[in-house]
Amino acid sequence: MKTLLEGEVRLVEKQNNWTVEVFVKWNKRRIQIILKSRKSNLKDKFVS
């Protein structure tokens, strides 16, 4: 069985006004994971 010694994966998922982005990059020594999420219908005025 072979393993991937280095590579990267980028995923974008959109559902119900939410966007989630996942970026994973790895090599023999290090794994980097970046997660970003965003809600597209936020209100700009808040009632206090």
C-alpha atoms as a PDB file:
ATOM      1  CA  MET A   1       0.000   0.000   0.000  1.00  0.00           C
ATOM      2  CA  LYS A   2       1.414   3.401  -0.988  1.00  0.00           C
ATOM      3  CA  THR A   3       0.848   6.564   1.008  1.00  0.00           C
ATOM      4  CA  LEU A   4       0.934  10.113  -0.271  1.00  0.00           C
ATOM      5  CA  LEU A   5       4.081  11.764   1.084  1.00  0.00           C
ATOM      6  CA  GLU A   6       2.939  15.216   0.071  1.00  0.00           C
ATOM      7  CA  GLY A   7      -0.105  16.836  -1.444  1.00  0.00           C
ATOM      8  CA  GLU A   8      -2.941  19.263  -0.985  1.00  0.00           C
ATOM      9  CA  VAL A   9      -6.736  19.235  -1.008  1.00  0.00           C
ATOM     10  CA  ARG A  10      -9.161  22.182  -1.288  1.00  0.00           C
ATOM     11  CA  LEU A  11     -12.895  21.787  -0.640  1.00  0.00           C
ATOM     12  CA  VAL A  12     -15.710  24.362  -0.776  1.00  0.00           C
ATOM     13  CA  GLU A  13     -19.192  23.507   0.509  1.00  0.00           C
ATOM     14  CA  LYS A  14     -22.220  25.822   0.272  1.00  0.00           C
ATOM     15  CA  GLN A  15     -25.507  25.190   2.103  1.00  0.00           C
ATOM     16  CA  ASN A  16     -28.244  27.375   3.618  1.00  0.00           C
ATOM     17  CA  ASN A  17     -26.411  30.728   3.308  1.00  0.00           C
ATOM     18  CA  TRP A  18     -23.192  29.227   4.744  1.00  0.00           C
ATOM     19  CA  THR A  19     -19.924  28.733   2.895  1.00  0.00           C
ATOM     20  CA  VAL A  20     -17.201  26.512   4.366  1.00  0.00           C
ATOM     21  CA  GLU A  21     -13.749  26.329   2.787  1.00  0.00           C
ATOM     22  CA  VAL A  22     -11.208  23.680   3.806  1.00  0.00           C
ATOM     23  CA  PHE A  23      -7.596  23.683   2.635  1.00  0.00           C
ATOM     24  CA  VAL A  24      -5.210  20.902   3.687  1.00  0.00           C
ATOM     25  CA  LYS A  25      -1.569  20.689   2.650  1.00  0.00           C
ATOM     26  CA  TRP A  26       0.884  18.080   3.884  1.00  0.00           C
ATOM     27  CA  ASN A  27       4.378  16.723   3.428  1.00  0.00           C
ATOM     28  CA  LYS A  28       6.569  14.235   5.302  1.00  0.00           C
ATOM     29  CA  ARG A  29       7.022  16.483   8.343  1.00  0.00           C
ATOM     30  CA  ARG A  30       4.105  18.890   8.500  1.00  0.00           C
ATOM     31  CA  ILE A  31       0.330  19.138   8.054  1.00  0.00           C
ATOM     32  CA  GLN A  32      -1.321  22.527   7.481  1.00  0.00           C
ATOM     33  CA  ILE A  33      -5.111  22.859   7.834  1.00  0.00           C
ATOM     34  CA  ILE A  34      -6.984  26.090   7.072  1.00  0.00           C
ATOM     35  CA  LEU A  35     -10.728  26.362   7.767  1.00  0.00           C
ATOM     36  CA  LYS A  36     -12.820  29.354   6.696  1.00  0.00           C
ATOM     37  CA  SER A  37     -16.553  29.789   7.212  1.00  0.00           C
ATOM     38  CA  ARG A  38     -18.866  32.584   6.201  1.00  0.00           C
ATOM     39  CA  LYS A  39     -22.566  33.317   6.473  1.00  0.00           C
ATOM     40  CA  SER A  40     -23.708  35.347   3.476  1.00  0.00           C
ATOM     41  CA  ASN A  41     -26.929  36.881   4.836  1.00  0.00           C
ATOM     42  CA  LEU A  42     -25.729  38.635   8.004  1.00  0.00           C
ATOM     43  CA  LYS A  43     -27.602  41.775   8.957  1.00  0.00           C
ATOM     44  CA  ASP A  44     -25.576  44.981   9.146  1.00  0.00           C
ATOM     45  CA  LYS A  45     -27.752  46.685  11.783  1.00  0.00           C
ATOM     46  CA  PHE A  46     -28.081  45.231  15.247  1.00  0.00           C
ATOM     47  CA  VAL A  47     -30.851  46.107  17.661  1.00  0.00           C
ATOM     48  CA  SER A  48     -29.655  46.547  21.226  1.00  0.00           C
END
